[in-house]
Structures are given as C-alpha cells and as structure tokens.
PDB file of N, CA and C in Angstrom:
ATOM      1  N   MET A   1       0.843  -1.172   0.000  1.00  0.00           N
ATOM      2  CA  MET A   1       0.000   0.000   0.000  1.00  0.00           C
ATOM      3  C   MET A   1       0.890   1.238   0.000  1.00  0.00           C
ATOM      4  N   GLY A   2       0.570   2.238  -0.808  1.00  0.00           N
ATOM      5  CA  GLY A   2       1.342   3.465  -0.862  1.00  0.00           C
ATOM      6  C   GLY A   2       0.960   4.429   0.236  1.00  0.00           C
ATOM      7  N   SER A   3       1.693   5.515   0.307  1.00  0.00           N
ATOM      8  CA  SER A   3       1.412   6.530   1.309  1.00  0.00           C
ATOM      9  C   SER A   3       0.137   7.289   0.960  1.00  0.00           C
ATOM     10  N   LEU A   4      -0.584   7.688   2.003  1.00  0.00           N
ATOM     11  CA  LEU A   4      -1.812   8.452   1.857  1.00  0.00           C
ATOM     12  C   LEU A   4      -1.591   9.840   2.434  1.00  0.00           C
ATOM     13  N   ARG A   5      -2.090  10.856   1.765  1.00  0.00           N
ATOM     14  CA  ARG A   5      -1.915  12.232   2.226  1.00  0.00           C
ATOM     15  C   ARG A   5      -3.075  12.645   3.122  1.00  0.00           C
ATOM     16  N   ILE A   6      -2.746  13.337   4.227  1.00  0.00           N
ATOM     17  CA  ILE A   6      -3.748  13.866   5.145  1.00  0.00           C
ATOM     18  C   ILE A   6      -3.362  15.297   5.510  1.00  0.00           C
ATOM     19  N   VAL A   7      -4.337  16.049   6.010  1.00  0.00           N
ATOM     20  CA  VAL A   7      -4.101  17.412   6.482  1.00  0.00           C
ATOM     21  C   VAL A   7      -4.185  17.401   8.002  1.00  0.00           C
ATOM     22  N   LEU A   8      -3.197  18.028   8.667  1.00  0.00           N
ATOM     23  CA  LEU A   8      -3.189  18.122  10.125  1.00  0.00           C
ATOM     24  C   LEU A   8      -3.590  19.526  10.540  1.00  0.00           C
ATOM     25  N   THR A   9      -4.386  19.615  11.604  1.00  0.00           N
ATOM     26  CA  THR A   9      -4.769  20.914  12.136  1.00  0.00           C
ATOM     27  C   THR A   9      -4.684  20.890  13.654  1.00  0.00           C
ATOM     28  N   GLY A  10      -4.263  22.017  14.235  1.00  0.00           N
ATOM     29  CA  GLY A  10      -4.088  22.094  15.682  1.00  0.00           C
ATOM     30  C   GLY A  10      -2.710  21.609  16.079  1.00  0.00           C
ATOM     31  N   GLY A  11      -2.481  21.533  17.388  1.00  0.00           N
ATOM     32  CA  GLY A  11      -1.198  21.070  17.896  1.00  0.00           C
ATOM     33  C   GLY A  11      -0.258  22.212  18.220  1.00  0.00           C
ATOM     34  N   PRO A  12       1.031  21.907  18.422  1.00  0.00           N
ATOM     35  CA  PRO A  12       2.005  22.925  18.808  1.00  0.00           C
ATOM     36  C   PRO A  12       2.158  24.014  17.743  1.00  0.00           C
ATOM     37  N   ASP A  13       2.553  25.204  18.187  1.00  0.00           N
ATOM     38  CA  ASP A  13       2.731  26.331  17.262  1.00  0.00           C
ATOM     39  C   ASP A  13       3.747  26.034  16.166  1.00  0.00           C
ATOM     40  N   ARG A  14       4.785  25.273  16.495  1.00  0.00           N
ATOM     41  CA  ARG A  14       5.841  24.989  15.507  1.00  0.00           C
ATOM     42  C   ARG A  14       5.398  23.986  14.445  1.00  0.00           C
ATOM     43  N   LEU A  15       4.294  23.300  14.684  1.00  0.00           N
ATOM     44  CA  LEU A  15       3.733  22.376  13.696  1.00  0.00           C
ATOM     45  C   LEU A  15       2.665  23.160  12.940  1.00  0.00           C
ATOM     46  N   HIS A  16       2.959  23.535  11.724  1.00  0.00           N
ATOM     47  CA  HIS A  16       2.107  24.445  10.971  1.00  0.00           C
ATOM     48  C   HIS A  16       0.704  23.884  10.760  1.00  0.00           C
ATOM     49  N   ASP A  17      -0.300  24.692  11.138  1.00  0.00           N
ATOM     50  CA  ASP A  17      -1.695  24.318  10.951  1.00  0.00           C
ATOM     51  C   ASP A  17      -1.977  24.141   9.462  1.00  0.00           C
ATOM     52  N   GLY A  18      -2.627  23.060   9.113  1.00  0.00           N
ATOM     53  CA  GLY A  18      -2.958  22.796   7.726  1.00  0.00           C
ATOM     54  C   GLY A  18      -1.859  22.111   6.944  1.00  0.00           C
ATOM     55  N   CYS A  19      -0.806  21.633   7.630  1.00  0.00           N
ATOM     56  CA  CYS A  19       0.273  20.966   6.897  1.00  0.00           C
ATOM     57  C   CYS A  19      -0.199  19.599   6.395  1.00  0.00           C
ATOM     58  N   VAL A  20       0.360  19.192   5.291  1.00  0.00           N
ATOM     59  CA  VAL A  20       0.018  17.908   4.680  1.00  0.00           C
ATOM     60  C   VAL A  20       1.103  16.902   5.044  1.00  0.00           C
ATOM     61  N   GLU A  21       0.689  15.756   5.548  1.00  0.00           N
ATOM     62  CA  GLU A  21       1.606  14.675   5.919  1.00  0.00           C
ATOM     63  C   GLU A  21       1.216  13.421   5.145  1.00  0.00           C
ATOM     64  N   GLU A  22       2.145  12.501   5.042  1.00  0.00           N
ATOM     65  CA  GLU A  22       1.860  11.204   4.432  1.00  0.00           C
ATOM     66  C   GLU A  22       1.854  10.140   5.511  1.00  0.00           C
ATOM     67  N   VAL A  23       0.840   9.274   5.474  1.00  0.00           N
ATOM     68  CA  VAL A  23       0.714   8.179   6.434  1.00  0.00           C
ATOM     69  C   VAL A  23       0.519   6.880   5.663  1.00  0.00           C
ATOM     70  N   ASP A  24       0.753   5.758   6.340  1.00  0.00           N
ATOM     71  CA  ASP A  24       0.614   4.452   5.693  1.00  0.00           C
ATOM     72  C   ASP A  24      -0.820   3.951   5.675  1.00  0.00           C
ATOM     73  N   ASN A  25      -1.637   4.390   6.660  1.00  0.00           N
ATOM     74  CA  ASN A  25      -3.040   3.963   6.692  1.00  0.00           C
ATOM     75  C   ASN A  25      -3.877   5.044   7.351  1.00  0.00           C
ATOM     76  N   LEU A  26      -5.174   4.952   7.188  1.00  0.00           N
ATOM     77  CA  LEU A  26      -6.094   5.947   7.738  1.00  0.00           C
ATOM     78  C   LEU A  26      -6.794   5.401   8.972  1.00  0.00           C
ATOM     79  N   ASP A  27      -6.007   5.061   9.991  1.00  0.00           N
ATOM     80  CA  ASP A  27      -6.583   4.629  11.263  1.00  0.00           C
ATOM     81  C   ASP A  27      -7.393   5.775  11.861  1.00  0.00           C
ATOM     82  N   ASP A  28      -8.140   5.473  12.935  1.00  0.00           N
ATOM     83  CA  ASP A  28      -8.902   6.516  13.621  1.00  0.00           C
ATOM     84  C   ASP A  28      -7.990   7.621  14.128  1.00  0.00           C
ATOM     85  N   LYS A  29      -6.782   7.246  14.569  1.00  0.00           N
ATOM     86  CA  LYS A  29      -5.801   8.224  15.041  1.00  0.00           C
ATOM     87  C   LYS A  29      -4.478   7.985  14.329  1.00  0.00           C
ATOM     88  N   VAL A  30      -3.742   9.074  14.110  1.00  0.00           N
ATOM     89  CA  VAL A  30      -2.387   8.953  13.582  1.00  0.00           C
ATOM     90  C   VAL A  30      -1.434   9.580  14.588  1.00  0.00           C
ATOM     91  N   LYS A  31      -0.201   9.105  14.594  1.00  0.00           N
ATOM     92  CA  LYS A  31       0.824   9.562  15.526  1.00  0.00           C
ATOM     93  C   LYS A  31       1.991  10.089  14.700  1.00  0.00           C
ATOM     94  N   ILE A  32       2.324  11.361  14.911  1.00  0.00           N
ATOM     95  CA  ILE A  32       3.398  12.011  14.177  1.00  0.00           C
ATOM     96  C   ILE A  32       4.537  12.325  15.143  1.00  0.00           C
ATOM     97  N   SER A  33       5.741  11.869  14.833  1.00  0.00           N
ATOM     98  CA  SER A  33       6.907  12.189  15.652  1.00  0.00           C
ATOM     99  C   SER A  33       7.228  13.669  15.476  1.00  0.00           C
ATOM    100  N   PHE A  34       7.337  14.389  16.609  1.00  0.00           N
ATOM    101  CA  PHE A  34       7.597  15.819  16.551  1.00  0.00           C
ATOM    102  C   PHE A  34       8.355  16.244  17.798  1.00  0.00           C
ATOM    103  N   ALA A  35       9.477  16.935  17.605  1.00  0.00           N
ATOM    104  CA  ALA A  35      10.329  17.382  18.713  1.00  0.00           C
ATOM    105  C   ALA A  35      10.683  16.166  19.567  1.00  0.00           C
ATOM    106  N   SER A  36      10.417  16.189  20.866  1.00  0.00           N
ATOM    107  CA  SER A  36      10.797  15.072  21.742  1.00  0.00           C
ATOM    108  C   SER A  36       9.603  14.206  22.119  1.00  0.00           C
ATOM    109  N   GLY A  37       8.611  14.151  21.246  1.00  0.00           N
ATOM    110  CA  GLY A  37       7.431  13.343  21.560  1.00  0.00           C
ATOM    111  C   GLY A  37       6.635  13.002  20.317  1.00  0.00           C
ATOM    112  N   TYR A  38       5.391  12.638  20.548  1.00  0.00           N
ATOM    113  CA  TYR A  38       4.468  12.312  19.467  1.00  0.00           C
ATOM    114  C   TYR A  38       3.235  13.192  19.591  1.00  0.00           C
ATOM    115  N   GLU A  39       2.793  13.704  18.461  1.00  0.00           N
ATOM    116  CA  GLU A  39       1.531  14.437  18.401  1.00  0.00           C
ATOM    117  C   GLU A  39       0.498  13.482  17.817  1.00  0.00           C
ATOM    118  N   HIS A  40      -0.656  13.408  18.460  1.00  0.00           N
ATOM    119  CA  HIS A  40      -1.718  12.501  18.035  1.00  0.00           C
ATOM    120  C   HIS A  40      -2.854  13.306  17.414  1.00  0.00           C
ATOM    121  N   PHE A  41      -3.365  12.812  16.317  1.00  0.00           N
ATOM    122  CA  PHE A  41      -4.434  13.477  15.583  1.00  0.00           C
ATOM    123  C   PHE A  41      -5.530  12.460  15.281  1.00  0.00           C
ATOM    124  N   SER A  42      -6.784  12.917  15.308  1.00  0.00           N
ATOM    125  CA  SER A  42      -7.899  12.019  15.003  1.00  0.00           C
ATOM    126  C   SER A  42      -8.753  12.609  13.885  1.00  0.00           C
ATOM    127  N   HIS A  43      -9.436  11.723  13.180  1.00  0.00           N
ATOM    128  CA  HIS A  43     -10.274  12.106  12.043  1.00  0.00           C
ATOM    129  C   HIS A  43     -11.738  11.974  12.427  1.00  0.00           C
ATOM    130  N   SER A  44     -12.519  13.014  12.138  1.00  0.00           N
ATOM    131  CA  SER A  44     -13.947  12.970  12.477  1.00  0.00           C
ATOM    132  C   SER A  44     -14.833  13.050  11.244  1.00  0.00           C
ATOM    133  N   GLY A  45     -14.251  12.801  10.076  1.00  0.00           N
ATOM    134  CA  GLY A  45     -15.033  12.786   8.847  1.00  0.00           C
ATOM    135  C   GLY A  45     -14.850  14.018   7.970  1.00  0.00           C
ATOM    136  N   GLU A  46     -14.201  15.047   8.480  1.00  0.00           N
ATOM    137  CA  GLU A  46     -14.001  16.280   7.716  1.00  0.00           C
ATOM    138  C   GLU A  46     -12.975  16.052   6.605  1.00  0.00           C
ATOM    139  N   VAL A  47     -13.198  16.704   5.467  1.00  0.00           N
ATOM    140  CA  VAL A  47     -12.246  16.672   4.354  1.00  0.00           C
ATOM    141  C   VAL A  47     -12.031  18.097   3.856  1.00  0.00           C
ATOM    142  N   THR A  48     -10.938  18.308   3.138  1.00  0.00           N
ATOM    143  CA  THR A  48     -10.654  19.602   2.523  1.00  0.00           C
ATOM    144  C   THR A  48      -9.940  19.360   1.200  1.00  0.00           C
ATOM    145  N   GLU A  49      -9.978  20.351   0.328  1.00  0.00           N
ATOM    146  CA  GLU A  49      -9.314  20.216  -0.965  1.00  0.00           C
ATOM    147  C   GLU A  49      -7.954  20.906  -0.919  1.00  0.00           C
ATOM    148  N   VAL A  50      -6.923  20.176  -1.348  1.00  0.00           N
ATOM    149  CA  VAL A  50      -5.560  20.703  -1.417  1.00  0.00           C
ATOM    150  C   VAL A  50      -5.002  20.355  -2.791  1.00  0.00           C
ATOM    151  N   ASP A  51      -4.662  21.367  -3.560  1.00  0.00           N
ATOM    152  CA  ASP A  51      -4.099  21.165  -4.907  1.00  0.00           C
ATOM    153  C   ASP A  51      -4.958  20.229  -5.751  1.00  0.00           C
ATOM    154  N   GLY A  52      -6.271  20.374  -5.667  1.00  0.00           N
ATOM    155  CA  GLY A  52      -7.191  19.583  -6.470  1.00  0.00           C
ATOM    156  C   GLY A  52      -7.516  18.204  -5.931  1.00  0.00           C
ATOM    157  N   ALA A  53      -6.904  17.820  -4.815  1.00  0.00           N
ATOM    158  CA  ALA A  53      -7.173  16.505  -4.209  1.00  0.00           C
ATOM    159  C   ALA A  53      -7.979  16.700  -2.923  1.00  0.00           C
ATOM    160  N   VAL A  54      -8.957  15.839  -2.707  1.00  0.00           N
ATOM    161  CA  VAL A  54      -9.751  15.877  -1.481  1.00  0.00           C
ATOM    162  C   VAL A  54      -9.040  15.019  -0.437  1.00  0.00           C
ATOM    163  N   LEU A  55      -8.634  15.654   0.679  1.00  0.00           N
ATOM    164  CA  LEU A  55      -7.858  14.974   1.716  1.00  0.00           C
ATOM    165  C   LEU A  55      -8.603  14.996   3.044  1.00  0.00           C
ATOM    166  N   PRO A  56      -8.476  13.916   3.832  1.00  0.00           N
ATOM    167  CA  PRO A  56      -9.083  13.912   5.166  1.00  0.00           C
ATOM    168  C   PRO A  56      -8.332  14.861   6.097  1.00  0.00           C
ATOM    169  N   VAL A  57      -9.084  15.526   6.986  1.00  0.00           N
ATOM    170  CA  VAL A  57      -8.505  16.447   7.963  1.00  0.00           C
ATOM    171  C   VAL A  57      -8.452  15.748   9.317  1.00  0.00           C
ATOM    172  N   PHE A  58      -7.268  15.715   9.908  1.00  0.00           N
ATOM    173  CA  PHE A  58      -7.070  15.128  11.231  1.00  0.00           C
ATOM    174  C   PHE A  58      -6.791  16.255  12.216  1.00  0.00           C
ATOM    175  N   HIS A  59      -7.548  16.286  13.321  1.00  0.00           N
ATOM    176  CA  HIS A  59      -7.421  17.324  14.341  1.00  0.00           C
ATOM    177  C   HIS A  59      -6.556  16.831  15.496  1.00  0.00           C
ATOM    178  N   TRP A  60      -5.701  17.721  16.015  1.00  0.00           N
ATOM    179  CA  TRP A  60      -4.839  17.390  17.142  1.00  0.00           C
ATOM    180  C   TRP A  60      -5.686  17.012  18.344  1.00  0.00           C
ATOM    181  N   CYS A  61      -5.281  15.952  19.062  1.00  0.00           N
ATOM    182  CA  CYS A  61      -6.039  15.537  20.250  1.00  0.00           C
ATOM    183  C   CYS A  61      -5.164  15.327  21.480  1.00  0.00           C
ATOM    184  N   GLU A  62      -3.867  15.047  21.327  1.00  0.00           N
ATOM    185  CA  GLU A  62      -3.007  14.903  22.502  1.00  0.00           C
ATOM    186  C   GLU A  62      -1.540  14.798  22.108  1.00  0.00           C
ATOM    187  N   ARG A  63      -0.679  14.926  23.120  1.00  0.00           N
ATOM    188  CA  ARG A  63       0.765  14.761  22.942  1.00  0.00           C
ATOM    189  C   ARG A  63       1.248  13.729  23.950  1.00  0.00           C
ATOM    190  N   THR A  64       2.145  12.853  23.516  1.00  0.00           N
ATOM    191  CA  THR A  64       2.779  11.908  24.430  1.00  0.00           C
ATOM    192  C   THR A  64       4.288  12.013  24.263  1.00  0.00           C
ATOM    193  N   LYS A  65       5.008  11.644  25.307  1.00  0.00           N
ATOM    194  CA  LYS A  65       6.469  11.665  25.263  1.00  0.00           C
ATOM    195  C   LYS A  65       6.992  10.341  24.727  1.00  0.00           C
ATOM    196  N   ILE A  66       8.164  10.385  24.126  1.00  0.00           N
ATOM    197  CA  ILE A  66       8.816   9.174  23.642  1.00  0.00           C
ATOM    198  C   ILE A  66       9.370   8.424  24.850  1.00  0.00           C
ATOM    199  N   ALA A  67       9.067   7.139  24.945  1.00  0.00           N
ATOM    200  CA  ALA A  67       9.553   6.319  26.065  1.00  0.00           C
ATOM    201  C   ALA A  67      11.060   6.146  25.949  1.00  0.00           C
ATOM    202  N   GLU A  68      11.720   6.204  27.070  1.00  0.00           N
ATOM    203  CA  GLU A  68      13.181   6.038  27.065  1.00  0.00           C
ATOM    204  C   GLU A  68      13.560   4.606  27.284  1.00  0.00           C
TER     205      GLU A  68
END
C-alpha cells in the first residue's frame, strides 16, 4: 500500500496548521513524531481540498512523550 496524504490541524505552534503529511493507513488516530514526543491526531469525517485533491482532515487531540 502506498502513502496516503492527510491534512493536520491544531497542535504545537511549531507544527504548521494545515500541513500535509503522508501516512501508511487511515486509522482513527495517527501519531506524528515531533520534537521530543508524538503528536496525536484524530479524524472525524471532515475533508478539505488541497491542490485539487480531497484529503481527510485530522485534528490534534493529545501529545505523548517518547519512552526512554
């Protein structure tokens, strides 16, 4: 399976709102490695158009630290 594009919204200021990321699957939640932890995003059915493609929008829901 190829990478799927999604739009991320919310989260830390340094993670640009509306950025497009590639993920391997469209689980209910995705986990993005960022700084010294993980940012978690969930999809509630919203979509948006980016460069002519309709992409699912994932909203920030929590941050977890990387286990040592």
